């Protein structure tokens, strides 16, 4: 078992990569989308990594599982907006 969320591959490679990729992709969006779709996608990307870390920090398995479900929900919601 990992000692920290920072050791989890899903946090290290997937969630952080997703956030960086979303920022790069949305950089090319029209300026009028800055406070709409661009902002929503960027916040969702950051929230995925944040929910994984927060769930880990809560210290209980049920809380961790709940926040992983929240992170997954953010991913699904973001996919629908593409």
PDB file of N, CA and C in Angstrom:
ATOM      1  N   UNK A   1       0.840  -1.180   0.000  1.00  0.00           N
ATOM      2  CA  UNK A   1       0.000   0.000   0.000  1.00  0.00           C
ATOM      3  C   UNK A   1       0.888   1.247   0.000  1.00  0.00           C
ATOM      4  N   UNK A   2       0.497   2.214  -0.774  1.00  0.00           N
ATOM      5  CA  UNK A   2       1.259   3.461  -0.842  1.00  0.00           C
ATOM      6  C   UNK A   2       1.162   4.209   0.487  1.00  0.00           C
ATOM      7  N   UNK A   3       2.219   4.938   0.821  1.00  0.00           N
ATOM      8  CA  UNK A   3       2.240   5.697   2.069  1.00  0.00           C
ATOM      9  C   UNK A   3       1.631   7.085   1.906  1.00  0.00           C
ATOM     10  N   UNK A   4       1.510   7.522   0.668  1.00  0.00           N
ATOM     11  CA  UNK A   4       0.978   8.846   0.383  1.00  0.00           C
ATOM     12  C   UNK A   4       0.269   8.819  -0.977  1.00  0.00           C
ATOM     13  N   UNK A   5      -0.656   9.729  -1.171  1.00  0.00           N
ATOM     14  CA  UNK A   5      -1.329   9.828  -2.466  1.00  0.00           C
ATOM     15  C   UNK A   5      -0.326  10.173  -3.566  1.00  0.00           C
ATOM     16  N   UNK A   6       0.779  10.807  -3.204  1.00  0.00           N
ATOM     17  CA  UNK A   6       1.798  11.172  -4.191  1.00  0.00           C
ATOM     18  C   UNK A   6       2.496   9.959  -4.795  1.00  0.00           C
ATOM     19  N   UNK A   7       2.387   8.815  -4.150  1.00  0.00           N
ATOM     20  CA  UNK A   7       2.966   7.577  -4.674  1.00  0.00           C
ATOM     21  C   UNK A   7       2.017   6.861  -5.624  1.00  0.00           C
ATOM     22  N   UNK A   8       0.763   7.271  -5.662  1.00  0.00           N
ATOM     23  CA  UNK A   8      -0.222   6.613  -6.520  1.00  0.00           C
ATOM     24  C   UNK A   8      -0.015   7.009  -7.971  1.00  0.00           C
ATOM     25  N   UNK A   9       0.064   6.038  -8.840  1.00  0.00           N
ATOM     26  CA  UNK A   9       0.263   6.297 -10.265  1.00  0.00           C
ATOM     27  C   UNK A   9      -0.889   7.130 -10.824  1.00  0.00           C
ATOM     28  N   UNK A  10      -2.093   6.857 -10.356  1.00  0.00           N
ATOM     29  CA  UNK A  10      -3.250   7.601 -10.857  1.00  0.00           C
ATOM     30  C   UNK A  10      -3.104   9.089 -10.542  1.00  0.00           C
ATOM     31  N   UNK A  11      -2.488   9.444  -9.431  1.00  0.00           N
ATOM     32  CA  UNK A  11      -2.289  10.854  -9.096  1.00  0.00           C
ATOM     33  C   UNK A  11      -1.072  11.399  -9.831  1.00  0.00           C
ATOM     34  N   UNK A  12       0.040  10.681  -9.789  1.00  0.00           N
ATOM     35  CA  UNK A  12       1.294  11.146 -10.393  1.00  0.00           C
ATOM     36  C   UNK A  12       1.182  11.364 -11.890  1.00  0.00           C
ATOM     37  N   UNK A  13       0.739  10.334 -12.578  1.00  0.00           N
ATOM     38  CA  UNK A  13       0.808  10.357 -14.031  1.00  0.00           C
ATOM     39  C   UNK A  13      -0.509  10.732 -14.684  1.00  0.00           C
ATOM     40  N   UNK A  14      -1.587  10.252 -14.162  1.00  0.00           N
ATOM     41  CA  UNK A  14      -2.857  10.449 -14.845  1.00  0.00           C
ATOM     42  C   UNK A  14      -3.534  11.770 -14.502  1.00  0.00           C
ATOM     43  N   UNK A  15      -3.748  12.034 -13.228  1.00  0.00           N
ATOM     44  CA  UNK A  15      -4.496  13.227 -12.830  1.00  0.00           C
ATOM     45  C   UNK A  15      -3.714  14.509 -13.125  1.00  0.00           C
ATOM     46  N   UNK A  16      -2.434  14.507 -12.816  1.00  0.00           N
ATOM     47  CA  UNK A  16      -1.618  15.698 -13.071  1.00  0.00           C
ATOM     48  C   UNK A  16      -1.467  15.910 -14.571  1.00  0.00           C
ATOM     49  N   UNK A  17      -1.233  14.830 -15.301  1.00  0.00           N
ATOM     50  CA  UNK A  17      -1.140  14.916 -16.763  1.00  0.00           C
ATOM     51  C   UNK A  17      -2.424  15.466 -17.366  1.00  0.00           C
ATOM     52  N   UNK A  18      -3.554  14.996 -16.866  1.00  0.00           N
ATOM     53  CA  UNK A  18      -4.851  15.464 -17.352  1.00  0.00           C
ATOM     54  C   UNK A  18      -4.982  16.965 -17.161  1.00  0.00           C
ATOM     55  N   UNK A  19      -4.637  17.436 -16.001  1.00  0.00           N
ATOM     56  CA  UNK A  19      -4.747  18.857 -15.701  1.00  0.00           C
ATOM     57  C   UNK A  19      -3.865  19.685 -16.641  1.00  0.00           C
ATOM     58  N   UNK A  20      -2.642  19.274 -16.822  1.00  0.00           N
ATOM     59  CA  UNK A  20      -1.720  19.987 -17.715  1.00  0.00           C
ATOM     60  C   UNK A  20      -2.247  19.968 -19.144  1.00  0.00           C
ATOM     61  N   UNK A  21      -2.711  18.810 -19.590  1.00  0.00           N
ATOM     62  CA  UNK A  21      -3.240  18.678 -20.949  1.00  0.00           C
ATOM     63  C   UNK A  21      -4.456  19.574 -21.157  1.00  0.00           C
ATOM     64  N   UNK A  22      -5.342  19.623 -20.173  1.00  0.00           N
ATOM     65  CA  UNK A  22      -6.526  20.473 -20.305  1.00  0.00           C
ATOM     66  C   UNK A  22      -6.139  21.946 -20.411  1.00  0.00           C
ATOM     67  N   UNK A  23      -5.171  22.375 -19.635  1.00  0.00           N
ATOM     68  CA  UNK A  23      -4.718  23.760 -19.738  1.00  0.00           C
ATOM     69  C   UNK A  23      -4.139  24.041 -21.121  1.00  0.00           C
ATOM     70  N   UNK A  24      -3.352  23.102 -21.646  1.00  0.00           N
ATOM     71  CA  UNK A  24      -2.765  23.293 -22.973  1.00  0.00           C
ATOM     72  C   UNK A  24      -3.838  23.312 -24.064  1.00  0.00           C
ATOM     73  N   UNK A  25      -4.787  22.394 -23.976  1.00  0.00           N
ATOM     74  CA  UNK A  25      -5.852  22.338 -24.988  1.00  0.00           C
ATOM     75  C   UNK A  25      -6.745  23.570 -24.965  1.00  0.00           C
ATOM     76  N   UNK A  26      -7.096  24.010 -23.775  1.00  0.00           N
ATOM     77  CA  UNK A  26      -8.030  25.132 -23.676  1.00  0.00           C
ATOM     78  C   UNK A  26      -7.356  26.474 -23.965  1.00  0.00           C
ATOM     79  N   UNK A  27      -6.048  26.501 -24.003  1.00  0.00           N
ATOM     80  CA  UNK A  27      -5.335  27.731 -24.358  1.00  0.00           C
ATOM     81  C   UNK A  27      -5.746  28.208 -25.757  1.00  0.00           C
ATOM     82  N   UNK A  28      -6.094  27.263 -26.614  1.00  0.00           N
ATOM     83  CA  UNK A  28      -6.481  27.604 -27.977  1.00  0.00           C
ATOM     84  C   UNK A  28      -7.969  27.874 -28.166  1.00  0.00           C
ATOM     85  N   UNK A  29      -8.750  27.780 -27.102  1.00  0.00           N
ATOM     86  CA  UNK A  29     -10.186  28.040 -27.205  1.00  0.00           C
ATOM     87  C   UNK A  29     -10.424  29.528 -27.455  1.00  0.00           C
ATOM     88  N   UNK A  30     -11.557  29.867 -28.047  1.00  0.00           N
ATOM     89  CA  UNK A  30     -11.879  31.283 -28.270  1.00  0.00           C
ATOM     90  C   UNK A  30     -11.920  32.055 -26.946  1.00  0.00           C
ATOM     91  N   UNK A  31     -11.530  33.323 -27.013  1.00  0.00           N
ATOM     92  CA  UNK A  31     -11.468  34.150 -25.806  1.00  0.00           C
ATOM     93  C   UNK A  31     -12.827  34.238 -25.101  1.00  0.00           C
ATOM     94  N   UNK A  32     -13.907  34.249 -25.861  1.00  0.00           N
ATOM     95  CA  UNK A  32     -15.231  34.363 -25.236  1.00  0.00           C
ATOM     96  C   UNK A  32     -15.599  33.128 -24.398  1.00  0.00           C
ATOM     97  N   UNK A  33     -14.852  32.046 -24.534  1.00  0.00           N
ATOM     98  CA  UNK A  33     -15.091  30.841 -23.733  1.00  0.00           C
ATOM     99  C   UNK A  33     -14.267  30.819 -22.442  1.00  0.00           C
ATOM    100  N   UNK A  34     -13.460  31.851 -22.209  1.00  0.00           N
ATOM    101  CA  UNK A  34     -12.566  31.867 -21.054  1.00  0.00           C
ATOM    102  C   UNK A  34     -13.312  31.633 -19.744  1.00  0.00           C
ATOM    103  N   UNK A  35     -14.496  32.190 -19.589  1.00  0.00           N
ATOM    104  CA  UNK A  35     -15.232  32.043 -18.340  1.00  0.00           C
ATOM    105  C   UNK A  35     -16.337  30.996 -18.438  1.00  0.00           C
ATOM    106  N   UNK A  36     -16.394  30.297 -19.535  1.00  0.00           N
ATOM    107  CA  UNK A  36     -17.390  29.250 -19.724  1.00  0.00           C
ATOM    108  C   UNK A  36     -16.732  27.882 -19.744  1.00  0.00           C
ATOM    109  N   UNK A  37     -16.695  27.318 -20.923  1.00  0.00           N
ATOM    110  CA  UNK A  37     -16.185  25.958 -21.091  1.00  0.00           C
ATOM    111  C   UNK A  37     -14.717  25.831 -20.681  1.00  0.00           C
ATOM    112  N   UNK A  38     -13.903  26.806 -21.042  1.00  0.00           N
ATOM    113  CA  UNK A  38     -12.477  26.761 -20.686  1.00  0.00           C
ATOM    114  C   UNK A  38     -12.300  26.644 -19.179  1.00  0.00           C
ATOM    115  N   UNK A  39     -12.966  27.506 -18.454  1.00  0.00           N
ATOM    116  CA  UNK A  39     -12.856  27.510 -16.996  1.00  0.00           C
ATOM    117  C   UNK A  39     -13.368  26.209 -16.392  1.00  0.00           C
ATOM    118  N   UNK A  40     -14.486  25.723 -16.896  1.00  0.00           N
ATOM    119  CA  UNK A  40     -15.067  24.492 -16.356  1.00  0.00           C
ATOM    120  C   UNK A  40     -14.145  23.302 -16.560  1.00  0.00           C
ATOM    121  N   UNK A  41     -13.575  23.174 -17.739  1.00  0.00           N
ATOM    122  CA  UNK A  41     -12.673  22.057 -18.013  1.00  0.00           C
ATOM    123  C   UNK A  41     -11.408  22.132 -17.160  1.00  0.00           C
ATOM    124  N   UNK A  42     -10.866  23.327 -17.031  1.00  0.00           N
ATOM    125  CA  UNK A  42      -9.648  23.483 -16.223  1.00  0.00           C
ATOM    126  C   UNK A  42      -9.915  23.159 -14.759  1.00  0.00           C
ATOM    127  N   UNK A  43     -11.003  23.662 -14.220  1.00  0.00           N
ATOM    128  CA  UNK A  43     -11.328  23.398 -12.815  1.00  0.00           C
ATOM    129  C   UNK A  43     -11.588  21.914 -12.579  1.00  0.00           C
ATOM    130  N   UNK A  44     -12.244  21.254 -13.524  1.00  0.00           N
ATOM    131  CA  UNK A  44     -12.503  19.820 -13.380  1.00  0.00           C
ATOM    132  C   UNK A  44     -11.195  19.034 -13.378  1.00  0.00           C
ATOM    133  N   UNK A  45     -10.273  19.404 -14.243  1.00  0.00           N
ATOM    134  CA  UNK A  45      -8.981  18.721 -14.290  1.00  0.00           C
ATOM    135  C   UNK A  45      -8.211  18.838 -12.992  1.00  0.00           C
ATOM    136  N   UNK A  46      -8.183  20.025 -12.427  1.00  0.00           N
ATOM    137  CA  UNK A  46      -7.496  20.248 -11.154  1.00  0.00           C
ATOM    138  C   UNK A  46      -8.227  19.514 -10.030  1.00  0.00           C
ATOM    139  N   UNK A  47      -9.549  19.515 -10.082  1.00  0.00           N
ATOM    140  CA  UNK A  47     -10.348  18.890  -9.020  1.00  0.00           C
ATOM    141  C   UNK A  47     -10.152  17.381  -8.951  1.00  0.00           C
ATOM    142  N   UNK A  48      -9.848  16.741 -10.070  1.00  0.00           N
ATOM    143  CA  UNK A  48      -9.618  15.289 -10.058  1.00  0.00           C
ATOM    144  C   UNK A  48      -8.434  14.969  -9.140  1.00  0.00           C
ATOM    145  N   UNK A  49      -7.307  15.634  -9.374  1.00  0.00           N
ATOM    146  CA  UNK A  49      -6.120  15.404  -8.542  1.00  0.00           C
ATOM    147  C   UNK A  49      -6.382  15.819  -7.093  1.00  0.00           C
ATOM    148  N   UNK A  50      -7.109  16.911  -6.913  1.00  0.00           N
ATOM    149  CA  UNK A  50      -7.402  17.407  -5.563  1.00  0.00           C
ATOM    150  C   UNK A  50      -8.266  16.432  -4.780  1.00  0.00           C
ATOM    151  N   UNK A  51      -9.256  15.841  -5.423  1.00  0.00           N
ATOM    152  CA  UNK A  51     -10.133  14.891  -4.735  1.00  0.00           C
ATOM    153  C   UNK A  51      -9.400  13.612  -4.359  1.00  0.00           C
ATOM    154  N   UNK A  52      -8.491  13.164  -5.203  1.00  0.00           N
ATOM    155  CA  UNK A  52      -7.687  11.979  -4.866  1.00  0.00           C
ATOM    156  C   UNK A  52      -6.852  12.278  -3.617  1.00  0.00           C
ATOM    157  N   UNK A  53      -6.199  13.430  -3.602  1.00  0.00           N
ATOM    158  CA  UNK A  53      -5.361  13.806  -2.465  1.00  0.00           C
ATOM    159  C   UNK A  53      -6.198  14.007  -1.202  1.00  0.00           C
ATOM    160  N   UNK A  54      -7.327  14.681  -1.327  1.00  0.00           N
ATOM    161  CA  UNK A  54      -8.166  14.931  -0.156  1.00  0.00           C
ATOM    162  C   UNK A  54      -8.720  13.627   0.417  1.00  0.00           C
ATOM    163  N   UNK A  55      -9.164  12.745  -0.460  1.00  0.00           N
ATOM    164  CA  UNK A  55      -9.678  11.458   0.004  1.00  0.00           C
ATOM    165  C   UNK A  55      -8.630  10.676   0.770  1.00  0.00           C
ATOM    166  N   UNK A  56      -7.409  10.692   0.269  1.00  0.00           N
ATOM    167  CA  UNK A  56      -6.316   9.997   0.938  1.00  0.00           C
ATOM    168  C   UNK A  56      -6.077  10.600   2.320  1.00  0.00           C
ATOM    169  N   UNK A  57      -6.127  11.929   2.393  1.00  0.00           N
ATOM    170  CA  UNK A  57      -5.844  12.621   3.639  1.00  0.00           C
ATOM    171  C   UNK A  57      -6.918  12.465   4.699  1.00  0.00           C
ATOM    172  N   UNK A  58      -8.103  12.087   4.313  1.00  0.00           N
ATOM    173  CA  UNK A  58      -9.184  11.926   5.283  1.00  0.00           C
ATOM    174  C   UNK A  58      -8.924  10.761   6.235  1.00  0.00           C
ATOM    175  N   UNK A  59      -8.162   9.786   5.785  1.00  0.00           N
ATOM    176  CA  UNK A  59      -7.760   8.696   6.672  1.00  0.00           C
ATOM    177  C   UNK A  59      -8.737   7.547   6.819  1.00  0.00           C
ATOM    178  N   UNK A  60      -9.898   7.639   6.211  1.00  0.00           N
ATOM    179  CA  UNK A  60     -10.824   6.506   6.295  1.00  0.00           C
ATOM    180  C   UNK A  60     -11.122   5.995   4.889  1.00  0.00           C
ATOM    181  N   UNK A  61     -11.255   4.696   4.801  1.00  0.00           N
ATOM    182  CA  UNK A  61     -11.506   4.069   3.506  1.00  0.00           C
ATOM    183  C   UNK A  61     -12.822   4.544   2.873  1.00  0.00           C
ATOM    184  N   UNK A  62     -13.915   4.651   3.627  1.00  0.00           N
ATOM    185  CA  UNK A  62     -15.169   5.121   3.022  1.00  0.00           C
ATOM    186  C   UNK A  62     -15.049   6.543   2.460  1.00  0.00           C
ATOM    187  N   UNK A  63     -14.369   7.440   3.179  1.00  0.00           N
ATOM    188  CA  UNK A  63     -14.174   8.803   2.674  1.00  0.00           C
ATOM    189  C   UNK A  63     -13.329   8.790   1.406  1.00  0.00           C
ATOM    190  N   UNK A  64     -12.284   7.977   1.414  1.00  0.00           N
ATOM    191  CA  UNK A  64     -11.403   7.881   0.251  1.00  0.00           C
ATOM    192  C   UNK A  64     -12.184   7.386  -0.961  1.00  0.00           C
ATOM    193  N   UNK A  65     -12.973   6.343  -0.766  1.00  0.00           N
ATOM    194  CA  UNK A  65     -13.763   5.802  -1.873  1.00  0.00           C
ATOM    195  C   UNK A  65     -14.764   6.831  -2.393  1.00  0.00           C
ATOM    196  N   UNK A  66     -15.379   7.578  -1.480  1.00  0.00           N
ATOM    197  CA  UNK A  66     -16.357   8.584  -1.892  1.00  0.00           C
ATOM    198  C   UNK A  66     -15.691   9.657  -2.754  1.00  0.00           C
ATOM    199  N   UNK A  67     -14.522  10.132  -2.340  1.00  0.00           N
ATOM    200  CA  UNK A  67     -13.859  11.180  -3.094  1.00  0.00           C
ATOM    201  C   UNK A  67     -13.281  10.658  -4.409  1.00  0.00           C
ATOM    202  N   UNK A  68     -12.936   9.384  -4.473  1.00  0.00           N
ATOM    203  CA  UNK A  68     -12.548   8.807  -5.765  1.00  0.00           C
ATOM    204  C   UNK A  68     -13.746   8.791  -6.711  1.00  0.00           C
ATOM    205  N   UNK A  69     -14.925   8.527  -6.177  1.00  0.00           N
ATOM    206  CA  UNK A  69     -16.145   8.562  -6.998  1.00  0.00           C
ATOM    207  C   UNK A  69     -16.433   9.981  -7.482  1.00  0.00           C
ATOM    208  N   UNK A  70     -16.176  10.963  -6.639  1.00  0.00           N
ATOM    209  CA  UNK A  70     -16.346  12.364  -7.047  1.00  0.00           C
ATOM    210  C   UNK A  70     -15.383  12.680  -8.188  1.00  0.00           C
ATOM    211  N   UNK A  71     -14.130  12.247  -8.062  1.00  0.00           N
ATOM    212  CA  UNK A  71     -13.127  12.485  -9.109  1.00  0.00           C
ATOM    213  C   UNK A  71     -13.571  11.827 -10.418  1.00  0.00           C
ATOM    214  N   UNK A  72     -14.068  10.612 -10.324  1.00  0.00           N
ATOM    215  CA  UNK A  72     -14.546   9.918 -11.528  1.00  0.00           C
ATOM    216  C   UNK A  72     -15.721  10.664 -12.146  1.00  0.00           C
ATOM    217  N   UNK A  73     -16.614  11.164 -11.315  1.00  0.00           N
ATOM    218  CA  UNK A  73     -17.756  11.932 -11.802  1.00  0.00           C
ATOM    219  C   UNK A  73     -17.320  13.190 -12.538  1.00  0.00           C
ATOM    220  N   UNK A  74     -16.286  13.851 -12.037  1.00  0.00           N
ATOM    221  CA  UNK A  74     -15.755  15.034 -12.712  1.00  0.00           C
ATOM    222  C   UNK A  74     -15.225  14.680 -14.094  1.00  0.00           C
ATOM    223  N   UNK A  75     -14.570  13.542 -14.189  1.00  0.00           N
ATOM    224  CA  UNK A  75     -14.053  13.102 -15.486  1.00  0.00           C
ATOM    225  C   UNK A  75     -15.190  12.841 -16.473  1.00  0.00           C
ATOM    226  N   UNK A  76     -16.217  12.175 -15.998  1.00  0.00           N
ATOM    227  CA  UNK A  76     -17.344  11.864 -16.873  1.00  0.00           C
ATOM    228  C   UNK A  76     -18.075  13.128 -17.312  1.00  0.00           C
ATOM    229  N   UNK A  77     -18.240  14.067 -16.391  1.00  0.00           N
ATOM    230  CA  UNK A  77     -18.907  15.321 -16.720  1.00  0.00           C
ATOM    231  C   UNK A  77     -18.085  16.112 -17.719  1.00  0.00           C
ATOM    232  N   UNK A  78     -16.766  16.127 -17.559  1.00  0.00           N
ATOM    233  CA  UNK A  78     -15.900  16.853 -18.479  1.00  0.00           C
ATOM    234  C   UNK A  78     -15.941  16.245 -19.868  1.00  0.00           C
ATOM    235  N   UNK A  79     -15.994  14.922 -19.925  1.00  0.00           N
ATOM    236  CA  UNK A  79     -16.042  14.239 -21.225  1.00  0.00           C
ATOM    237  C   UNK A  79     -17.294  14.611 -22.006  1.00  0.00           C
ATOM    238  N   UNK A  80     -18.402  14.769 -21.298  1.00  0.00           N
ATOM    239  CA  UNK A  80     -19.656  15.115 -21.966  1.00  0.00           C
ATOM    240  C   UNK A  80     -19.594  16.497 -22.589  1.00  0.00           C
ATOM    241  N   UNK A  81     -18.782  17.392 -22.034  1.00  0.00           N
ATOM    242  CA  UNK A  81     -18.691  18.758 -22.549  1.00  0.00           C
ATOM    243  C   UNK A  81     -17.796  18.867 -23.771  1.00  0.00           C
ATOM    244  N   UNK A  82     -17.034  17.845 -24.062  1.00  0.00           N
ATOM    245  CA  UNK A  82     -16.129  17.909 -25.216  1.00  0.00           C
ATOM    246  C   UNK A  82     -16.924  17.692 -26.417  1.00  0.00           C
TER     247      UNK A  82
END
